[in-house]
Amino acid sequence: MKIILIALSSFLAFGLSAQQDSLFEFFEADNETHRIELNEHYDDKESSPLEKKDRKKFKELPFFPLNMRYRIEAQWIRTPDEEAFEMATSTDRKPLYIKYAEVHFTLDSIPCKLNVYQNINLVKKEGYEDYLFLPFKDFTNGERSYGGGRYLDLHIPEGDTIVLDFNKAYNPYCAYNHKYSCPIVPEENQLDIPIEAGIHDGIIKK
């Protein structure tokens, strides 16, 4: 019986290890694809937010090293019946958003909460029906990342959890070109921890 239990324990440990390896491989491949696509977007003269002089010298965006601890399964709490509000931007433009949900998670033993928003007009466009917007600030801003905070793009989940992969955090276009009008991160979306993941500053590699 003891031998059987040891064998079973080893089998379960092997299965868990294989599952973790598989998840990490997916995580790496998914983020590699994301970074390639983002760099291609910034290098494309038709879609790039970069000024012409910067795009000509552009090679790639600067990222923190990939870190799976910043891929977090968060609790998803829908907040129905919220009223639309005008979100402040870097210009006089004030697009209409609603607070769509809250995400709750723990990082470095610190409980965290962020609000997730939905753009009232964007959601009416084909292909954006389930698109959500998560702007946030953290303790890296102004030192190791863009001072104005960063963004995450999300989609409405099916259950009561959602994966937040901060390795995909990106800068507002305003970090590169002042002609853009970018949402300002609401005060309630300030995290009291550093998020050392995603794009790490507003300077492109040339």
Protein backbone atom coordinates (compact mmCIF):
# COMPACT_ATOMS: atom_id res chain seq x y z
CA MET A 1 0.00 0.00 0.00
CA LYS A 2 2.84 2.38 0.88
CA ILE A 3 4.46 1.76 -2.51
CA ILE A 4 1.15 2.42 -4.27
CA LEU A 5 0.71 5.72 -2.38
CA ILE A 6 4.24 6.82 -3.25
CA ALA A 7 3.68 5.95 -6.90
CA LEU A 8 0.36 7.80 -6.93
CA SER A 9 1.95 10.84 -5.30
CA SER A 10 4.74 10.85 -7.89
CA PHE A 11 2.23 10.50 -10.71
CA LEU A 12 0.17 13.44 -9.42
CA ALA A 13 3.29 15.57 -8.95
CA PHE A 14 4.39 14.75 -12.50
CA GLY A 15 0.95 15.62 -13.84
CA LEU A 16 0.93 18.95 -12.01
CA SER A 17 4.43 19.76 -13.22
CA ALA A 18 3.47 18.93 -16.82
CA GLN A 19 0.38 21.13 -16.52
CA GLN A 20 2.47 24.02 -15.19
CA ASP A 21 5.00 23.57 -18.00
CA SER A 22 2.20 23.61 -20.56
CA LEU A 23 0.70 26.78 -19.07
CA PHE A 24 4.09 28.50 -19.08
CA GLU A 25 4.69 27.54 -22.71
CA PHE A 26 1.29 29.01 -23.63
CA PHE A 27 2.09 32.14 -21.59
CA GLU A 28 5.42 32.64 -23.36
CA ALA A 29 4.03 32.00 -26.85
CA ASP A 30 0.98 34.21 -26.26
CA ASN A 31 3.09 37.13 -25.04
CA GLU A 32 5.68 36.69 -27.78
CA THR A 33 2.91 36.91 -30.38
CA HIS A 34 1.45 39.95 -28.61
CA ARG A 35 4.81 41.76 -28.60
CA ILE A 36 5.50 40.99 -32.26
CA GLU A 37 2.07 42.32 -33.26
CA LEU A 38 2.48 45.43 -31.11
CA ASN A 39 5.89 46.20 -32.58
CA GLU A 40 4.52 45.70 -36.10
CA HIS A 41 1.68 48.11 -35.28
CA TYR A 42 4.14 50.78 -34.11
CA ASP A 43 6.35 50.25 -37.15
CA ASP A 44 3.50 50.52 -39.66
CA LYS A 45 3.31 54.01 -41.17
CA GLU A 46 -0.49 53.69 -41.52
CA SER A 47 -1.26 52.71 -37.93
CA SER A 48 1.71 53.84 -35.84
CA PRO A 49 1.06 56.48 -33.16
CA LEU A 50 4.72 57.52 -33.39
CA GLU A 51 5.75 60.80 -34.90
CA LYS A 52 7.29 60.35 -38.35
CA LYS A 53 10.82 61.15 -37.17
CA ASP A 54 10.57 58.54 -34.37
CA ARG A 55 8.99 55.85 -36.53
CA LYS A 56 11.85 56.02 -39.03
CA LYS A 57 14.29 55.06 -36.27
CA PHE A 58 11.96 52.63 -34.50
CA LYS A 59 13.10 49.06 -33.80
CA GLU A 60 11.04 47.80 -30.89
CA LEU A 61 9.17 48.81 -27.76
CA PRO A 62 10.88 48.38 -24.37
CA PHE A 63 9.32 45.71 -22.17
CA PHE A 64 9.97 44.43 -18.68
CA PRO A 65 11.12 40.78 -18.76
CA LEU A 66 8.22 38.35 -18.99
CA ASN A 67 7.05 37.39 -15.52
CA MET A 68 4.27 34.89 -14.95
CA ARG A 69 3.55 36.23 -11.46
CA TYR A 70 1.91 39.19 -13.21
CA ARG A 71 -0.51 36.91 -15.02
CA ILE A 72 -3.25 36.91 -12.41
CA GLU A 73 -6.60 35.19 -12.15
CA ALA A 74 -8.78 37.85 -10.56
CA GLN A 75 -12.27 37.74 -9.11
CA TRP A 76 -14.75 39.33 -11.50
CA ILE A 77 -17.59 41.34 -9.95
CA ARG A 78 -20.13 42.78 -12.37
CA THR A 79 -21.47 46.22 -11.39
CA PRO A 80 -24.79 46.63 -13.22
CA ASP A 81 -26.92 49.79 -13.29
CA GLU A 82 -23.92 52.12 -13.24
CA GLU A 83 -24.50 55.57 -14.71
CA ALA A 84 -22.49 56.79 -17.69
CA PHE A 85 -19.89 59.46 -16.96
CA GLU A 86 -17.48 61.64 -18.91
CA MET A 87 -13.96 60.32 -18.53
CA ALA A 88 -11.27 62.98 -18.40
CA THR A 89 -8.64 62.86 -21.14
CA SER A 90 -5.40 64.63 -22.01
CA THR A 91 -7.45 67.05 -24.14
CA ASP A 92 -10.92 68.63 -23.90
CA ARG A 93 -12.49 65.43 -25.27
CA LYS A 94 -14.66 63.63 -22.71
CA PRO A 95 -15.85 60.23 -23.98
CA LEU A 96 -18.71 58.47 -22.23
CA TYR A 97 -17.88 55.40 -20.16
CA ILE A 98 -19.60 53.26 -17.59
CA LYS A 99 -18.00 51.34 -14.77
CA TYR A 100 -18.70 47.82 -15.99
CA ALA A 101 -17.12 45.67 -13.29
CA GLU A 102 -14.53 45.37 -10.54
CA VAL A 103 -11.61 42.97 -10.44
CA HIS A 104 -10.18 41.84 -7.11
CA PHE A 105 -6.87 40.05 -6.62
CA THR A 106 -3.92 39.74 -4.26
CA LEU A 107 -0.34 40.52 -5.23
CA ASP A 108 2.62 40.52 -2.83
CA SER A 109 0.10 39.75 -0.06
CA ILE A 110 -1.64 43.07 -0.77
CA PRO A 111 -5.36 43.03 -1.68
CA CYS A 112 -5.96 45.00 -4.89
CA LYS A 113 -9.07 46.29 -6.62
CA LEU A 114 -9.41 47.91 -10.02
CA ASN A 115 -12.42 49.22 -11.89
CA VAL A 116 -13.04 48.04 -15.44
CA TYR A 117 -14.78 50.39 -17.88
CA GLN A 118 -16.79 50.17 -21.08
CA ASN A 119 -16.85 52.88 -23.73
CA ILE A 120 -20.51 53.64 -24.51
CA ASN A 121 -19.92 54.47 -28.18
CA LEU A 122 -17.16 51.98 -28.97
CA VAL A 123 -19.26 49.02 -27.84
CA LYS A 124 -21.73 49.82 -30.62
CA LYS A 125 -19.10 49.12 -33.29
CA GLU A 126 -18.81 45.69 -34.85
CA GLY A 127 -16.04 43.66 -33.26
CA TYR A 128 -16.00 45.68 -30.04
CA GLU A 129 -19.21 44.39 -28.45
CA ASP A 130 -17.34 42.71 -25.57
CA TYR A 131 -14.38 45.10 -25.37
CA LEU A 132 -13.45 46.51 -21.96
CA PHE A 133 -10.88 49.04 -20.82
CA LEU A 134 -8.66 48.81 -17.73
CA PRO A 135 -6.48 51.88 -17.09
CA PHE A 136 -4.22 51.70 -14.04
CA LYS A 137 -1.34 53.37 -12.22
CA ASP A 138 1.24 51.76 -9.95
CA PHE A 139 4.45 52.54 -8.09
CA THR A 140 6.62 52.27 -11.24
CA ASN A 141 5.02 55.32 -12.89
CA GLY A 142 7.35 58.21 -13.50
CA GLU A 143 10.45 56.14 -12.74
CA ARG A 144 10.35 52.83 -14.57
CA SER A 145 7.18 53.28 -16.60
CA TYR A 146 5.22 56.12 -18.18
CA GLY A 147 4.13 58.68 -15.60
CA GLY A 148 0.55 58.84 -16.84
CA GLY A 149 -0.15 55.17 -16.14
CA ARG A 150 -0.81 52.28 -18.49
CA TYR A 151 -3.70 50.38 -20.05
CA LEU A 152 -4.94 46.81 -20.42
CA ASP A 153 -7.48 45.64 -23.00
CA LEU A 154 -9.97 43.06 -21.74
CA HIS A 155 -13.00 41.15 -22.95
CA ILE A 156 -16.12 40.22 -21.01
CA PRO A 157 -15.49 36.85 -19.33
CA GLU A 158 -18.04 34.05 -19.16
CA GLY A 159 -17.63 33.22 -15.47
CA ASP A 160 -16.78 34.98 -12.22
CA THR A 161 -13.02 35.17 -12.82
CA ILE A 162 -10.85 36.88 -15.40
CA VAL A 163 -7.16 36.65 -16.29
CA LEU A 164 -5.25 39.93 -16.00
CA ASP A 165 -1.94 39.65 -17.82
CA PHE A 166 -0.03 42.78 -16.88
CA ASN A 167 2.76 41.63 -19.21
CA LYS A 168 0.49 43.09 -21.91
CA ALA A 169 0.20 46.51 -20.26
CA TYR A 170 0.86 49.28 -22.75
CA ASN A 171 1.28 53.06 -22.77
CA PRO A 172 -1.32 55.58 -23.92
CA TYR A 173 -0.52 56.95 -27.36
CA CYS A 174 0.09 60.29 -25.62
CA ALA A 175 3.36 58.87 -24.32
CA TYR A 176 4.66 59.09 -27.89
CA ASN A 177 2.66 61.78 -29.63
CA HIS A 178 0.78 64.74 -28.14
CA LYS A 179 -1.73 64.87 -30.99
CA TYR A 180 -3.67 62.02 -29.36
CA SER A 181 -6.43 62.38 -26.78
CA CYS A 182 -5.93 59.71 -24.10
CA PRO A 183 -8.10 58.78 -21.11
CA ILE A 184 -6.58 59.80 -17.78
CA VAL A 185 -6.39 56.97 -15.26
CA PRO A 186 -9.11 57.49 -12.62
CA GLU A 187 -7.87 57.99 -9.04
CA GLU A 188 -9.53 54.79 -7.84
CA ASN A 189 -7.34 52.75 -10.20
CA GLN A 190 -4.07 53.53 -8.43
CA LEU A 191 -2.35 50.36 -7.19
CA ASP A 192 -0.17 50.63 -4.07
CA ILE A 193 2.38 48.21 -5.49
CA PRO A 194 4.82 48.20 -8.42
CA ILE A 195 3.77 46.34 -11.57
CA GLU A 196 7.07 45.44 -13.20
CA ALA A 197 5.51 44.03 -16.34
CA GLY A 198 4.49 45.24 -19.77
CA ILE A 199 6.00 48.29 -21.43
CA HIS A 200 8.43 49.83 -18.97
CA ASP A 201 8.82 53.44 -20.08
CA GLY A 202 7.80 55.96 -22.70
CA ILE A 203 11.06 55.73 -24.64
CA ILE A 204 11.24 53.54 -27.71
CA LYS A 205 14.34 51.56 -28.67
CA LYS A 206 16.08 52.94 -31.74
